[in-house]
Each structure stands twice: as structure tokens, then as C-alpha cells.
Amino acid sequence: MYRMTEIAIVEHHSLFRRGLHSLLAADRQVSLVAVAEEPAQLDPGETRFGAILYGPSPQAEIAVSESISLLAESGRVLIISDFWGRQMVTEAVRAGAFGCVTRQSDDEELLRAVDTVTRGGLYISPGLTARLHAELREPTAAPPALARREVETLRWLAEGLTHGQIARRMSLTEATVNTYVKRIRNKLNVGNKAELTRKAIALGLLREGLQMESAQDHSHVPPAA
């Protein structure tokens, strides 16, 4: 029997919270089962949500990254924020967020982001790509745990290439690329492609070549098979 994806909303602003409630309640692809004002009001582990839409308060006592980590225990987190001030897109992804959209996003984009996140993909709003690129340009040391060819493989994986495409790009056999991918997953303790992409962002491996969702291109990082 078909089971709709269960969704939760954690939004500090009452008017915005009601708007999200109205939008998702009308979506027949998801089931809205929880609405809260703060992360602490959502019992961790009680339900595993397909997506948790989280609009953090600028005045929150707990850091956004800590809130994301807390919510991630209950499902995939989709942040709704304009990321002003010191709040960083990369920090949200490092903390475990599967998606980041702005508060100016329209209904269509928000639903597209929810769909991407519930299927295990990574979604970054077009309105945040410039900021993300700026953050990614900040120097970050490459992880010593990965060999040079493994770092290169991880970068191509995160940019959306298949194992066969990576093999051709690096002049290797596909079997060798498969071996590299297995080593990367073991070393970084990650499983699917979305997690690999998040780890690559956290390690500063994605820069100008990052394939992000844009207004013209509705492609996204697909979930692992």
C-alpha cells in the first residue's frame, strides 16, 4: 500500500509557519504530521520524517548548527533562511542539512526542494548559490585521510558524474573508480551520494564547478540507487 512521506515543520515565525502549513497540507504527495515553533518541541526519535522544514529564529539561544544536528536525529532537514550575518550555508550542510532555501522562495521551488530532500538528494536554492560559492572559495585544507586520486574522485562524484564518466575523465578503468569510491566511503564513513556531496562541501572540494540547482536548470543531486 502506498504510504505518503511524513513531513514536519519547525518555524519560529507564526505567519510563515501558517503559510507552510497551508502549502504542505494541500500537497497530496506528503503527509504533514507535526508542526512546532522550536526544535526542542519536536521529540527526537519519536518519528522518522522524510523531511523537516526548519526556519531558525535569529534570536535562538542555541546555535543553528546544533539545532540542525538535533533535528537530523528525526529526519532530513531542509533549512528555510536567508543566511544573513554570520550564518553560513556550508555550516548548515556540515551540520547535516540536506537542503537550504531562502524565505523568498516561491511555492513551486519550496515543493521542489521538499521533493528532492525526501528522496535523499541535496538542494541548494538559486538565491544562495552566490553566497555558497563565496564560502567555498575560503581556503580549506584537503583531508589527509584521502589520497590525491581519491580526493579527485570525490570531487567528480559530488559534481554529478557517474563512475563511468569519472573513469574516462581520470583515464582509469571503471573498476578502479569503484575501488576508489569504496575507499572514500569507508574513510569518510558515508553511505549515499548526497552524504558524499555534503562531505565534499564540508572539505572545501567543490568550487566553481559545483552543479547547483538553478532557475534555468532544475537538475539536482540524485539519491543513490
Protein backbone atom coordinates (compact mmCIF):
# COMPACT_ATOMS: atom_id res chain seq x y z
CA MET A 1 0.00 0.00 0.00
CA TYR A 2 1.30 3.47 -0.91
CA ARG A 3 2.46 5.49 2.11
CA MET A 4 2.84 9.26 1.89
CA THR A 5 6.07 10.82 3.10
CA GLU A 6 5.69 12.27 6.58
CA ILE A 7 6.77 15.89 6.96
CA ALA A 8 7.37 18.16 9.95
CA ILE A 9 7.54 21.96 10.19
CA VAL A 10 9.69 23.77 12.77
CA GLU A 11 9.29 27.51 12.14
CA HIS A 12 9.68 30.35 14.64
CA HIS A 13 7.54 32.92 12.77
CA SER A 14 3.83 32.27 13.27
CA LEU A 15 2.66 33.81 9.98
CA PHE A 16 5.28 31.95 7.94
CA ARG A 17 4.51 28.77 9.87
CA ARG A 18 0.83 29.00 8.92
CA GLY A 19 1.80 29.58 5.28
CA LEU A 20 3.98 26.46 5.23
CA HIS A 21 1.21 24.51 6.93
CA SER A 22 -1.32 25.59 4.30
CA LEU A 23 1.03 24.77 1.40
CA LEU A 24 2.05 21.32 2.60
CA ALA A 25 -1.40 20.33 3.85
CA ALA A 26 -2.65 20.75 0.28
CA ASP A 27 0.14 18.61 -1.20
CA ARG A 28 -1.14 15.07 -1.80
CA GLN A 29 2.41 13.70 -2.07
CA VAL A 30 3.24 14.31 1.60
CA SER A 31 1.60 13.95 4.98
CA LEU A 32 2.10 16.85 7.39
CA VAL A 33 2.21 15.21 10.82
CA ALA A 34 3.98 17.70 13.10
CA VAL A 35 4.22 21.49 13.46
CA ALA A 36 6.41 23.20 16.07
CA GLU A 37 7.88 26.60 16.86
CA GLU A 38 11.27 25.42 18.17
CA PRO A 39 13.39 22.28 17.59
CA ALA A 40 13.06 21.21 21.23
CA GLN A 41 9.30 20.83 20.73
CA LEU A 42 9.90 18.04 18.21
CA ASP A 43 10.57 14.82 20.12
CA PRO A 44 13.78 13.28 18.68
CA GLY A 45 13.44 9.67 17.57
CA GLU A 46 9.66 9.51 18.05
CA THR A 47 9.01 9.67 14.29
CA ARG A 48 11.38 9.41 11.34
CA PHE A 49 10.36 12.22 8.97
CA GLY A 50 11.05 12.29 5.26
CA ALA A 51 11.81 15.99 5.66
CA ILE A 52 11.83 18.57 8.45
CA LEU A 53 11.34 22.14 7.25
CA TYR A 54 13.26 24.31 9.70
CA GLY A 55 13.06 28.10 9.84
CA PRO A 56 15.55 29.10 12.57
CA SER A 57 15.00 32.18 14.70
CA PRO A 58 17.75 34.84 14.56
CA GLN A 59 17.33 35.21 18.33
CA ALA A 60 17.58 31.49 19.10
CA GLU A 61 19.68 30.71 22.17
CA ILE A 62 21.06 27.52 20.63
CA ALA A 63 23.29 27.71 17.53
CA VAL A 64 21.65 26.81 14.23
CA SER A 65 24.19 24.05 13.61
CA GLU A 66 23.31 22.46 16.94
CA SER A 67 19.60 22.68 16.13
CA ILE A 68 20.20 21.02 12.76
CA SER A 69 22.13 18.20 14.43
CA LEU A 70 19.27 17.74 16.90
CA LEU A 71 16.61 17.69 14.20
CA ALA A 72 18.70 15.38 11.99
CA GLU A 73 18.06 12.64 14.55
CA SER A 74 14.44 12.69 13.40
CA GLY A 75 14.79 13.17 9.64
CA ARG A 76 16.35 15.04 6.71
CA VAL A 77 16.50 18.77 7.45
CA LEU A 78 15.55 21.46 4.92
CA ILE A 79 16.61 24.93 6.14
CA ILE A 80 14.47 27.96 5.25
CA SER A 81 16.59 31.06 5.84
CA ASP A 82 18.24 33.99 4.07
CA PHE A 83 21.54 33.22 5.82
CA TRP A 84 22.28 36.81 6.81
CA GLY A 85 25.03 37.85 9.18
CA ARG A 86 27.39 35.09 10.26
CA GLN A 87 25.06 32.23 9.39
CA MET A 88 26.71 30.08 6.70
CA VAL A 89 25.26 27.75 4.08
CA THR A 90 28.28 25.45 4.33
CA GLU A 91 27.90 25.30 8.10
CA ALA A 92 24.30 24.15 7.71
CA VAL A 93 25.35 21.40 5.31
CA ARG A 94 28.20 20.31 7.57
CA ALA A 95 25.74 20.08 10.46
CA GLY A 96 23.58 17.66 8.47
CA ALA A 97 21.14 19.72 6.39
CA PHE A 98 20.01 18.16 3.10
CA GLY A 99 18.69 21.42 1.70
CA CYS A 100 18.81 25.21 2.03
CA VAL A 101 16.22 27.59 0.55
CA THR A 102 15.59 31.30 1.04
CA ARG A 103 12.50 32.78 2.61
CA GLN A 104 11.81 34.47 -0.73
CA SER A 105 11.41 31.09 -2.49
CA ASP A 106 8.05 30.63 -4.20
CA ASP A 107 5.70 27.69 -3.62
CA GLU A 108 6.98 25.78 -6.65
CA GLU A 109 10.60 25.95 -5.56
CA LEU A 110 9.81 25.03 -1.98
CA LEU A 111 7.85 21.95 -3.06
CA ARG A 112 10.67 21.01 -5.44
CA ALA A 113 13.15 21.29 -2.57
CA VAL A 114 10.93 19.14 -0.34
CA ASP A 115 10.67 16.51 -3.07
CA THR A 116 14.46 16.47 -3.58
CA VAL A 117 15.21 16.18 0.14
CA THR A 118 12.62 13.46 0.80
CA ARG A 119 14.24 11.37 -1.93
CA GLY A 120 17.66 11.75 -0.35
CA GLY A 121 19.02 14.44 -2.66
CA LEU A 122 20.73 17.72 -1.84
CA TYR A 123 19.00 21.00 -2.77
CA ILE A 124 20.53 24.49 -2.66
CA SER A 125 18.31 27.44 -3.61
CA PRO A 126 19.45 29.51 -6.61
CA GLY A 127 19.25 32.53 -4.32
CA LEU A 128 22.02 31.07 -2.17
CA THR A 129 24.48 29.89 -4.81
CA ALA A 130 26.48 33.13 -4.90
CA ARG A 131 26.89 33.05 -1.14
CA LEU A 132 27.77 29.35 -1.20
CA HIS A 133 30.42 29.90 -3.88
CA ALA A 134 31.94 32.71 -1.82
CA GLU A 135 32.09 30.45 1.24
CA LEU A 136 33.63 27.64 -0.79
CA ARG A 137 36.40 29.94 -2.03
CA GLU A 138 37.68 30.30 1.51
CA PRO A 139 40.86 28.19 1.81
CA THR A 140 40.32 24.78 3.37
CA ALA A 141 42.97 22.14 3.75
CA ALA A 142 42.43 18.85 1.91
CA PRO A 143 41.76 15.91 4.22
CA PRO A 144 44.93 13.92 4.96
CA ALA A 145 42.89 10.71 5.14
CA LEU A 146 42.29 10.75 1.38
CA ALA A 147 44.88 10.10 -1.29
CA ARG A 148 45.20 12.60 -4.14
CA ARG A 149 43.30 10.40 -6.61
CA GLU A 150 40.59 9.74 -4.02
CA VAL A 151 40.14 13.48 -3.49
CA GLU A 152 39.79 13.93 -7.25
CA THR A 153 37.28 11.08 -7.45
CA LEU A 154 35.21 12.56 -4.62
CA ARG A 155 35.14 15.95 -6.36
CA TRP A 156 33.81 14.42 -9.60
CA LEU A 157 31.26 12.32 -7.71
CA ALA A 158 29.94 15.39 -5.92
CA GLU A 159 29.67 17.27 -9.21
CA GLY A 160 27.29 14.62 -10.52
CA LEU A 161 29.48 12.40 -12.73
CA THR A 162 28.82 8.66 -12.97
CA HIS A 163 31.56 6.13 -12.26
CA GLY A 164 31.99 5.58 -16.00
CA GLN A 165 32.34 9.30 -16.69
CA ILE A 166 34.86 9.66 -13.87
CA ALA A 167 36.87 6.76 -15.26
CA ARG A 168 37.09 8.44 -18.66
CA ARG A 169 37.89 11.83 -17.10
CA MET A 170 40.71 10.35 -15.00
CA SER A 171 41.92 7.83 -17.63
CA LEU A 172 41.15 4.90 -15.34
CA THR A 173 39.07 1.73 -15.57
CA GLU A 174 35.60 1.84 -14.04
CA ALA A 175 36.68 -0.96 -11.69
CA THR A 176 39.44 1.28 -10.32
CA VAL A 177 36.95 4.12 -9.78
CA ASN A 178 34.64 1.69 -7.95
CA THR A 179 37.54 0.79 -5.68
CA TYR A 180 38.28 4.47 -5.00
CA VAL A 181 34.63 5.11 -4.15
CA LYS A 182 34.55 2.20 -1.70
CA ARG A 183 37.70 3.51 -0.01
CA ILE A 184 36.28 7.04 0.19
CA ARG A 185 33.04 5.83 1.77
CA ASN A 186 34.94 3.73 4.30
CA LYS A 187 37.38 6.51 5.19
CA LEU A 188 34.72 9.23 5.50
CA ASN A 189 32.08 6.92 6.96
CA VAL A 190 29.39 7.96 4.49
CA GLY A 191 26.89 5.94 2.51
CA ASN A 192 24.90 7.52 -0.32
CA LYS A 193 25.72 10.18 -2.90
CA ALA A 194 24.01 13.00 -1.01
CA GLU A 195 26.20 12.31 2.03
CA LEU A 196 29.30 12.23 -0.18
CA THR A 197 28.30 15.59 -1.64
CA ARG A 198 27.80 17.11 1.81
CA LYS A 199 31.19 15.78 2.88
CA ALA A 200 32.85 17.23 -0.23
CA ILE A 201 31.33 20.65 0.59
CA ALA A 202 32.50 20.37 4.19
CA LEU A 203 36.03 19.58 2.98
CA GLY A 204 36.08 22.52 0.57
CA LEU A 205 36.37 20.35 -2.54
CA LEU A 206 33.57 21.98 -4.53
CA ARG A 207 34.16 25.39 -6.07
CA GLU A 208 33.21 26.93 -9.40
CA GLY A 209 32.41 23.55 -10.94
CA LEU A 210 29.70 22.79 -8.39
CA GLN A 211 26.49 21.72 -10.12
CA MET A 212 23.74 23.52 -8.26
CA GLU A 213 20.05 23.75 -8.94
CA SER A 214 19.35 26.97 -10.83
CA ALA A 215 16.31 28.76 -12.11
CA GLN A 216 17.16 27.62 -15.65
CA ASP A 217 18.32 24.10 -14.81
CA HIS A 218 16.12 22.08 -12.50
CA SER A 219 18.65 19.28 -12.13
CA HIS A 220 19.56 18.12 -8.64
CA VAL A 221 21.92 15.74 -6.95
CA PRO A 222 20.03 12.44 -7.24
CA PRO A 223 19.70 9.99 -4.39
CA ALA A 224 21.79 6.85 -4.50
CA ALA A 225 20.17 3.79 -6.02
